Amino acid sequence: MVEPILDMHLPSTAYLDAHDLAAILKVSPATILRRARRQPHTLPAPAHLGPNFPLRWRRTDVASWLGEGASSPGSTCSSDDAAALCD
């Protein structure tokens, strides 16, 4: 179940783009894209919609990830911009 606070921050569409995820995590879209390339374990898993399709995340996956504490086993936070992505 999605907590009410998450509903306020997540758009009603099924997929979120880097701008949507950045707004939720209070970081820049560039940080989201950089983390997706260099440290994907610090973000929820993206949806694979096609080889030439921009990165998207399922709304439900993001809500679950946030509900789990926004961290995954083995994730590390070593820079300021990662602090918003990890506890």
PDB file of N, CA and C in Angstrom:
ATOM      1  N   MET A   1       0.835  -1.182   0.000  1.00  0.00           N
ATOM      2  CA  MET A   1       0.000   0.000   0.000  1.00  0.00           C
ATOM      3  C   MET A   1       0.880   1.246   0.000  1.00  0.00           C
ATOM      4  N   VAL A   2       0.534   2.231  -0.792  1.00  0.00           N
ATOM      5  CA  VAL A   2       1.287   3.478  -0.883  1.00  0.00           C
ATOM      6  C   VAL A   2       0.840   4.400   0.239  1.00  0.00           C
ATOM      7  N   GLU A   3       1.820   4.914   0.983  1.00  0.00           N
ATOM      8  CA  GLU A   3       1.497   5.835   2.064  1.00  0.00           C
ATOM      9  C   GLU A   3       0.967   7.140   1.474  1.00  0.00           C
ATOM     10  N   PRO A   4       0.070   7.848   2.199  1.00  0.00           N
ATOM     11  CA  PRO A   4      -0.498   9.103   1.692  1.00  0.00           C
ATOM     12  C   PRO A   4       0.562  10.128   1.315  1.00  0.00           C
ATOM     13  N   ILE A   5       1.651  10.214   2.069  1.00  0.00           N
ATOM     14  CA  ILE A   5       2.690  11.200   1.763  1.00  0.00           C
ATOM     15  C   ILE A   5       3.307  10.932   0.389  1.00  0.00           C
ATOM     16  N   LEU A   6       3.410   9.666   0.008  1.00  0.00           N
ATOM     17  CA  LEU A   6       3.982   9.333  -1.294  1.00  0.00           C
ATOM     18  C   LEU A   6       3.050   9.748  -2.421  1.00  0.00           C
ATOM     19  N   ASP A   7       1.753   9.637  -2.196  1.00  0.00           N
ATOM     20  CA  ASP A   7       0.793  10.039  -3.222  1.00  0.00           C
ATOM     21  C   ASP A   7       0.905  11.522  -3.549  1.00  0.00           C
ATOM     22  N   MET A   8       1.257  12.335  -2.582  1.00  0.00           N
ATOM     23  CA  MET A   8       1.373  13.770  -2.824  1.00  0.00           C
ATOM     24  C   MET A   8       2.574  14.083  -3.709  1.00  0.00           C
ATOM     25  N   HIS A   9       3.596  13.245  -3.663  1.00  0.00           N
ATOM     26  CA  HIS A   9       4.825  13.532  -4.383  1.00  0.00           C
ATOM     27  C   HIS A   9       4.928  12.818  -5.726  1.00  0.00           C
ATOM     28  N   LEU A  10       4.156  11.791  -5.933  1.00  0.00           N
ATOM     29  CA  LEU A  10       4.260  11.019  -7.161  1.00  0.00           C
ATOM     30  C   LEU A  10       3.173  11.426  -8.148  1.00  0.00           C
ATOM     31  N   PRO A  11       3.553  11.691  -9.395  1.00  0.00           N
ATOM     32  CA  PRO A  11       2.538  11.983 -10.408  1.00  0.00           C
ATOM     33  C   PRO A  11       1.625  10.773 -10.597  1.00  0.00           C
ATOM     34  N   SER A  12       0.464  10.985 -11.146  1.00  0.00           N
ATOM     35  CA  SER A  12      -0.501   9.902 -11.288  1.00  0.00           C
ATOM     36  C   SER A  12      -0.196   8.972 -12.461  1.00  0.00           C
ATOM     37  N   THR A  13       0.781   9.300 -13.290  1.00  0.00           N
ATOM     38  CA  THR A  13       1.119   8.433 -14.411  1.00  0.00           C
ATOM     39  C   THR A  13       1.797   7.167 -13.912  1.00  0.00           C
ATOM     40  N   ALA A  14       1.780   6.130 -14.738  1.00  0.00           N
ATOM     41  CA  ALA A  14       2.360   4.850 -14.348  1.00  0.00           C
ATOM     42  C   ALA A  14       3.883   4.895 -14.285  1.00  0.00           C
ATOM     43  N   TYR A  15       4.506   5.784 -15.056  1.00  0.00           N
ATOM     44  CA  TYR A  15       5.965   5.861 -15.101  1.00  0.00           C
ATOM     45  C   TYR A  15       6.450   7.254 -14.729  1.00  0.00           C
ATOM     46  N   LEU A  16       7.598   7.291 -14.070  1.00  0.00           N
ATOM     47  CA  LEU A  16       8.241   8.548 -13.691  1.00  0.00           C
ATOM     48  C   LEU A  16       9.491   8.727 -14.533  1.00  0.00           C
ATOM     49  N   ASP A  17       9.780   9.965 -14.919  1.00  0.00           N
ATOM     50  CA  ASP A  17      11.038  10.228 -15.613  1.00  0.00           C
ATOM     51  C   ASP A  17      12.054  10.751 -14.601  1.00  0.00           C
ATOM     52  N   ALA A  18      13.250  11.094 -15.071  1.00  0.00           N
ATOM     53  CA  ALA A  18      14.318  11.555 -14.182  1.00  0.00           C
ATOM     54  C   ALA A  18      13.927  12.831 -13.446  1.00  0.00           C
ATOM     55  N   HIS A  19      13.161  13.701 -14.095  1.00  0.00           N
ATOM     56  CA  HIS A  19      12.721  14.937 -13.438  1.00  0.00           C
ATOM     57  C   HIS A  19      11.757  14.641 -12.287  1.00  0.00           C
ATOM     58  N   ASP A  20      10.832  13.704 -12.510  1.00  0.00           N
ATOM     59  CA  ASP A  20       9.883  13.324 -11.464  1.00  0.00           C
ATOM     60  C   ASP A  20      10.607  12.711 -10.268  1.00  0.00           C
ATOM     61  N   LEU A  21      11.514  11.763 -10.549  1.00  0.00           N
ATOM     62  CA  LEU A  21      12.249  11.096  -9.477  1.00  0.00           C
ATOM     63  C   LEU A  21      13.140  12.086  -8.736  1.00  0.00           C
ATOM     64  N   ALA A  22      13.751  13.007  -9.471  1.00  0.00           N
ATOM     65  CA  ALA A  22      14.597  14.031  -8.848  1.00  0.00           C
ATOM     66  C   ALA A  22      13.785  14.909  -7.904  1.00  0.00           C
ATOM     67  N   ALA A  23      12.582  15.276  -8.302  1.00  0.00           N
ATOM     68  CA  ALA A  23      11.732  16.110  -7.450  1.00  0.00           C
ATOM     69  C   ALA A  23      11.358  15.373  -6.166  1.00  0.00           C
ATOM     70  N   ILE A  24      11.090  14.098  -6.271  1.00  0.00           N
ATOM     71  CA  ILE A  24      10.733  13.301  -5.102  1.00  0.00           C
ATOM     72  C   ILE A  24      11.911  13.191  -4.141  1.00  0.00           C
ATOM     73  N   LEU A  25      13.113  12.960  -4.701  1.00  0.00           N
ATOM     74  CA  LEU A  25      14.303  12.755  -3.871  1.00  0.00           C
ATOM     75  C   LEU A  25      15.029  14.046  -3.522  1.00  0.00           C
ATOM     76  N   LYS A  26      14.543  15.155  -4.072  1.00  0.00           N
ATOM     77  CA  LYS A  26      15.123  16.482  -3.806  1.00  0.00           C
ATOM     78  C   LYS A  26      16.591  16.563  -4.227  1.00  0.00           C
ATOM     79  N   VAL A  27      16.849  16.074  -5.433  1.00  0.00           N
ATOM     80  CA  VAL A  27      18.150  16.203  -6.082  1.00  0.00           C
ATOM     81  C   VAL A  27      17.897  16.672  -7.510  1.00  0.00           C
ATOM     82  N   SER A  28      18.949  16.935  -8.253  1.00  0.00           N
ATOM     83  CA  SER A  28      18.776  17.382  -9.633  1.00  0.00           C
ATOM     84  C   SER A  28      18.553  16.186 -10.561  1.00  0.00           C
ATOM     85  N   PRO A  29      17.912  16.420 -11.711  1.00  0.00           N
ATOM     86  CA  PRO A  29      17.775  15.347 -12.694  1.00  0.00           C
ATOM     87  C   PRO A  29      19.139  14.813 -13.147  1.00  0.00           C
ATOM     88  N   ALA A  30      20.147  15.683 -13.209  1.00  0.00           N
ATOM     89  CA  ALA A  30      21.494  15.234 -13.587  1.00  0.00           C
ATOM     90  C   ALA A  30      22.035  14.229 -12.574  1.00  0.00           C
ATOM     91  N   THR A  31      21.742  14.437 -11.301  1.00  0.00           N
ATOM     92  CA  THR A  31      22.176  13.491 -10.267  1.00  0.00           C
ATOM     93  C   THR A  31      21.508  12.138 -10.470  1.00  0.00           C
ATOM     94  N   ILE A  32      20.230  12.143 -10.799  1.00  0.00           N
ATOM     95  CA  ILE A  32      19.514  10.890 -11.050  1.00  0.00           C
ATOM     96  C   ILE A  32      20.152  10.150 -12.220  1.00  0.00           C
ATOM     97  N   LEU A  33      20.401  10.843 -13.316  1.00  0.00           N
ATOM     98  CA  LEU A  33      20.979  10.197 -14.496  1.00  0.00           C
ATOM     99  C   LEU A  33      22.395   9.706 -14.227  1.00  0.00           C
ATOM    100  N   ARG A  34      23.171  10.485 -13.488  1.00  0.00           N
ATOM    101  CA  ARG A  34      24.540  10.077 -13.139  1.00  0.00           C
ATOM    102  C   ARG A  34      24.506   8.825 -12.260  1.00  0.00           C
ATOM    103  N   ARG A  35      23.636   8.822 -11.261  1.00  0.00           N
ATOM    104  CA  ARG A  35      23.525   7.653 -10.384  1.00  0.00           C
ATOM    105  C   ARG A  35      23.035   6.429 -11.159  1.00  0.00           C
ATOM    106  N   ALA A  36      22.132   6.627 -12.092  1.00  0.00           N
ATOM    107  CA  ALA A  36      21.626   5.505 -12.888  1.00  0.00           C
ATOM    108  C   ALA A  36      22.756   4.850 -13.683  1.00  0.00           C
ATOM    109  N   ARG A  37      23.709   5.657 -14.151  1.00  0.00           N
ATOM    110  CA  ARG A  37      24.847   5.124 -14.904  1.00  0.00           C
ATOM    111  C   ARG A  37      25.930   4.547 -14.000  1.00  0.00           C
ATOM    112  N   ARG A  38      26.314   5.298 -12.976  1.00  0.00           N
ATOM    113  CA  ARG A  38      27.495   4.948 -12.184  1.00  0.00           C
ATOM    114  C   ARG A  38      27.200   4.121 -10.938  1.00  0.00           C
ATOM    115  N   GLN A  39      26.069   4.357 -10.310  1.00  0.00           N
ATOM    116  CA  GLN A  39      25.721   3.654  -9.071  1.00  0.00           C
ATOM    117  C   GLN A  39      24.237   3.284  -9.072  1.00  0.00           C
ATOM    118  N   PRO A  40      23.854   2.394  -9.968  1.00  0.00           N
ATOM    119  CA  PRO A  40      22.434   2.070 -10.080  1.00  0.00           C
ATOM    120  C   PRO A  40      21.842   1.467  -8.808  1.00  0.00           C
ATOM    121  N   HIS A  41      22.676   0.915  -7.936  1.00  0.00           N
ATOM    122  CA  HIS A  41      22.175   0.335  -6.687  1.00  0.00           C
ATOM    123  C   HIS A  41      21.644   1.399  -5.724  1.00  0.00           C
ATOM    124  N   THR A  42      21.880   2.684  -6.006  1.00  0.00           N
ATOM    125  CA  THR A  42      21.389   3.750  -5.133  1.00  0.00           C
ATOM    126  C   THR A  42      20.030   4.287  -5.569  1.00  0.00           C
ATOM    127  N   LEU A  43      19.440   3.662  -6.575  1.00  0.00           N
ATOM    128  CA  LEU A  43      18.125   4.072  -7.091  1.00  0.00           C
ATOM    129  C   LEU A  43      17.233   2.847  -7.229  1.00  0.00           C
ATOM    130  N   PRO A  44      15.923   3.055  -7.311  1.00  0.00           N
ATOM    131  CA  PRO A  44      15.068   1.915  -7.645  1.00  0.00           C
ATOM    132  C   PRO A  44      15.403   1.431  -9.057  1.00  0.00           C
ATOM    133  N   ALA A  45      15.147   0.173  -9.321  1.00  0.00           N
ATOM    134  CA  ALA A  45      15.437  -0.377 -10.646  1.00  0.00           C
ATOM    135  C   ALA A  45      14.570   0.309 -11.697  1.00  0.00           C
ATOM    136  N   PRO A  46      15.179   0.743 -12.812  1.00  0.00           N
ATOM    137  CA  PRO A  46      14.379   1.380 -13.861  1.00  0.00           C
ATOM    138  C   PRO A  46      13.575   0.349 -14.648  1.00  0.00           C
ATOM    139  N   ALA A  47      12.521   0.814 -15.274  1.00  0.00           N
ATOM    140  CA  ALA A  47      11.731  -0.026 -16.174  1.00  0.00           C
ATOM    141  C   ALA A  47      12.445  -0.044 -17.522  1.00  0.00           C
ATOM    142  N   HIS A  48      12.519  -1.188 -18.143  1.00  0.00           N
ATOM    143  CA  HIS A  48      13.158  -1.306 -19.456  1.00  0.00           C
ATOM    144  C   HIS A  48      12.067  -1.295 -20.522  1.00  0.00           C
ATOM    145  N   LEU A  49      11.880  -0.135 -21.134  1.00  0.00           N
ATOM    146  CA  LEU A  49      10.795   0.044 -22.097  1.00  0.00           C
ATOM    147  C   LEU A  49      11.254  -0.066 -23.543  1.00  0.00           C
ATOM    148  N   GLY A  50      12.538  -0.164 -23.768  1.00  0.00           N
ATOM    149  CA  GLY A  50      13.069  -0.284 -25.116  1.00  0.00           C
ATOM    150  C   GLY A  50      14.472   0.271 -25.187  1.00  0.00           C
ATOM    151  N   PRO A  51      15.219  -0.107 -26.226  1.00  0.00           N
ATOM    152  CA  PRO A  51      16.624   0.293 -26.311  1.00  0.00           C
ATOM    153  C   PRO A  51      16.838   1.791 -26.499  1.00  0.00           C
ATOM    154  N   ASN A  52      15.935   2.477 -27.145  1.00  0.00           N
ATOM    155  CA  ASN A  52      16.110   3.908 -27.402  1.00  0.00           C
ATOM    156  C   ASN A  52      15.160   4.773 -26.585  1.00  0.00           C
ATOM    157  N   PHE A  53      14.568   4.187 -25.571  1.00  0.00           N
ATOM    158  CA  PHE A  53      13.603   4.908 -24.744  1.00  0.00           C
ATOM    159  C   PHE A  53      14.320   5.514 -23.548  1.00  0.00           C
ATOM    160  N   PRO A  54      14.007   6.766 -23.185  1.00  0.00           N
ATOM    161  CA  PRO A  54      14.653   7.369 -22.012  1.00  0.00           C
ATOM    162  C   PRO A  54      14.327   6.592 -20.736  1.00  0.00           C
ATOM    163  N   LEU A  55      15.176   6.744 -19.744  1.00  0.00           N
ATOM    164  CA  LEU A  55      14.966   6.061 -18.467  1.00  0.00           C
ATOM    165  C   LEU A  55      13.624   6.432 -17.855  1.00  0.00           C
ATOM    166  N   ARG A  56      12.940   5.417 -17.364  1.00  0.00           N
ATOM    167  CA  ARG A  56      11.681   5.599 -16.656  1.00  0.00           C
ATOM    168  C   ARG A  56      11.680   4.638 -15.468  1.00  0.00           C
ATOM    169  N   TRP A  57      10.951   5.028 -14.431  1.00  0.00           N
ATOM    170  CA  TRP A  57      10.788   4.181 -13.256  1.00  0.00           C
ATOM    171  C   TRP A  57       9.309   3.980 -13.033  1.00  0.00           C
ATOM    172  N   ARG A  58       8.922   2.751 -12.685  1.00  0.00           N
ATOM    173  CA  ARG A  58       7.514   2.481 -12.385  1.00  0.00           C
ATOM    174  C   ARG A  58       7.137   3.185 -11.083  1.00  0.00           C
ATOM    175  N   ARG A  59       6.014   3.825 -11.112  1.00  0.00           N
ATOM    176  CA  ARG A  59       5.529   4.549  -9.932  1.00  0.00           C
ATOM    177  C   ARG A  59       5.441   3.617  -8.728  1.00  0.00           C
ATOM    178  N   THR A  60       4.940   2.417  -8.938  1.00  0.00           N
ATOM    179  CA  THR A  60       4.790   1.462  -7.840  1.00  0.00           C
ATOM    180  C   THR A  60       6.142   1.013  -7.297  1.00  0.00           C
ATOM    181  N   ASP A  61       7.143   0.851  -8.185  1.00  0.00           N
ATOM    182  CA  ASP A  61       8.486   0.459  -7.738  1.00  0.00           C
ATOM    183  C   ASP A  61       9.119   1.548  -6.879  1.00  0.00           C
ATOM    184  N   VAL A  62       8.933   2.800  -7.279  1.00  0.00           N
ATOM    185  CA  VAL A  62       9.484   3.923  -6.511  1.00  0.00           C
ATOM    186  C   VAL A  62       8.810   3.991  -5.147  1.00  0.00           C
ATOM    187  N   ALA A  63       7.497   3.827  -5.114  1.00  0.00           N
ATOM    188  CA  ALA A  63       6.775   3.865  -3.840  1.00  0.00           C
ATOM    189  C   ALA A  63       7.243   2.741  -2.917  1.00  0.00           C
ATOM    190  N   SER A  64       7.433   1.543  -3.467  1.00  0.00           N
ATOM    191  CA  SER A  64       7.922   0.417  -2.663  1.00  0.00           C
ATOM    192  C   SER A  64       9.327   0.678  -2.151  1.00  0.00           C
ATOM    193  N   TRP A  65      10.183   1.186  -3.028  1.00  0.00           N
ATOM    194  CA  TRP A  65      11.572   1.488  -2.671  1.00  0.00           C
ATOM    195  C   TRP A  65      11.623   2.517  -1.551  1.00  0.00           C
ATOM    196  N   LEU A  66      10.809   3.549  -1.654  1.00  0.00           N
ATOM    197  CA  LEU A  66      10.753   4.562  -0.599  1.00  0.00           C
ATOM    198  C   LEU A  66      10.205   3.968   0.697  1.00  0.00           C
ATOM    199  N   GLY A  67       9.238   3.087   0.577  1.00  0.00           N
ATOM    200  CA  GLY A  67       8.665   2.443   1.752  1.00  0.00           C
ATOM    201  C   GLY A  67       9.638   1.530   2.467  1.00  0.00           C
ATOM    202  N   GLU A  68      10.605   0.999   1.725  1.00  0.00           N
ATOM    203  CA  GLU A  68      11.630   0.131   2.307  1.00  0.00           C
ATOM    204  C   GLU A  68      12.779   0.920   2.910  1.00  0.00           C
ATOM    205  N   GLY A  69      12.712   2.221   2.867  1.00  0.00           N
ATOM    206  CA  GLY A  69      13.776   3.040   3.431  1.00  0.00           C
ATOM    207  C   GLY A  69      14.732   3.574   2.393  1.00  0.00           C
ATOM    208  N   ALA A  70      14.418   3.420   1.120  1.00  0.00           N
ATOM    209  CA  ALA A  70      15.205   3.970   0.014  1.00  0.00           C
ATOM    210  C   ALA A  70      16.648   3.532   0.034  1.00  0.00           C
ATOM    211  N   SER A  71      16.882   2.291   0.388  1.00  0.00           N
ATOM    212  CA  SER A  71      18.243   1.768   0.296  1.00  0.00           C
ATOM    213  C   SER A  71      18.169   0.294  -0.054  1.00  0.00           C
ATOM    214  N   SER A  72      19.228  -0.196  -0.627  1.00  0.00           N
ATOM    215  CA  SER A  72      19.294  -1.597  -0.976  1.00  0.00           C
ATOM    216  C   SER A  72      20.508  -2.206  -0.299  1.00  0.00           C
ATOM    217  N   PRO A  73      20.535  -3.521  -0.115  1.00  0.00           N
ATOM    218  CA  PRO A  73      21.674  -4.147   0.540  1.00  0.00           C
ATOM    219  C   PRO A  73      22.970  -3.827  -0.192  1.00  0.00           C
ATOM    220  N   GLY A  74      23.980  -3.461   0.555  1.00  0.00           N
ATOM    221  CA  GLY A  74      25.281  -3.173  -0.033  1.00  0.00           C
ATOM    222  C   GLY A  74      25.431  -1.784  -0.597  1.00  0.00           C
ATOM    223  N   SER A  75      24.407  -0.957  -0.528  1.00  0.00           N
ATOM    224  CA  SER A  75      24.546   0.389  -1.074  1.00  0.00           C
ATOM    225  C   SER A  75      25.394   1.237  -0.142  1.00  0.00           C
ATOM    226  N   THR A  76      26.159   2.128  -0.744  1.00  0.00           N
ATOM    227  CA  THR A  76      27.011   3.018   0.032  1.00  0.00           C
ATOM    228  C   THR A  76      26.778   4.436  -0.425  1.00  0.00           C
ATOM    229  N   CYS A  77      26.945   5.371   0.471  1.00  0.00           N
ATOM    230  CA  CYS A  77      26.801   6.786   0.167  1.00  0.00           C
ATOM    231  C   CYS A  77      28.103   7.460   0.515  1.00  0.00           C
ATOM    232  N   SER A  78      28.760   8.029  -0.489  1.00  0.00           N
ATOM    233  CA  SER A  78      30.053   8.636  -0.209  1.00  0.00           C
ATOM    234  C   SER A  78      30.137  10.094  -0.619  1.00  0.00           C
ATOM    235  N   SER A  79      29.123  10.609  -1.290  1.00  0.00           N
ATOM    236  CA  SER A  79      29.186  12.003  -1.705  1.00  0.00           C
ATOM    237  C   SER A  79      27.920  12.729  -1.279  1.00  0.00           C
ATOM    238  N   ASP A  80      27.984  14.045  -1.306  1.00  0.00           N
ATOM    239  CA  ASP A  80      26.859  14.856  -0.845  1.00  0.00           C
ATOM    240  C   ASP A  80      25.584  14.594  -1.637  1.00  0.00           C
ATOM    241  N   ASP A  81      25.708  14.460  -2.959  1.00  0.00           N
ATOM    242  CA  ASP A  81      24.483  14.284  -3.741  1.00  0.00           C
ATOM    243  C   ASP A  81      23.876  12.903  -3.550  1.00  0.00           C
ATOM    244  N   ALA A  82      24.615  11.948  -3.032  1.00  0.00           N
ATOM    245  CA  ALA A  82      24.061  10.625  -2.759  1.00  0.00           C
ATOM    246  C   ALA A  82      23.336  10.585  -1.427  1.00  0.00           C
ATOM    247  N   ALA A  83      23.589  11.551  -0.564  1.00  0.00           N
ATOM    248  CA  ALA A  83      22.978  11.547   0.764  1.00  0.00           C
ATOM    249  C   ALA A  83      21.458  11.548   0.685  1.00  0.00           C
ATOM    250  N   ALA A  84      20.894  12.192  -0.305  1.00  0.00           N
ATOM    251  CA  ALA A  84      19.442  12.227  -0.452  1.00  0.00           C
ATOM    252  C   ALA A  84      18.892  10.894  -0.942  1.00  0.00           C
ATOM    253  N   LEU A  85      19.745  10.042  -1.485  1.00  0.00           N
ATOM    254  CA  LEU A  85      19.297   8.772  -2.033  1.00  0.00           C
ATOM    255  C   LEU A  85      19.442   7.620  -1.054  1.00  0.00           C
ATOM    256  N   CYS A  86      20.239   7.798  -0.007  1.00  0.00           N
ATOM    257  CA  CYS A  86      20.489   6.730   0.954  1.00  0.00           C
ATOM    258  C   CYS A  86      20.294   7.236   2.364  1.00  0.00           C
ATOM    259  N   ASP A  87      19.965   6.330   3.257  1.00  0.00           N
ATOM    260  CA  ASP A  87      19.828   6.703   4.671  1.00  0.00           C
ATOM    261  C   ASP A  87      21.171   6.677   5.347  1.00  0.00           C
TER     262      ASP A  87
END
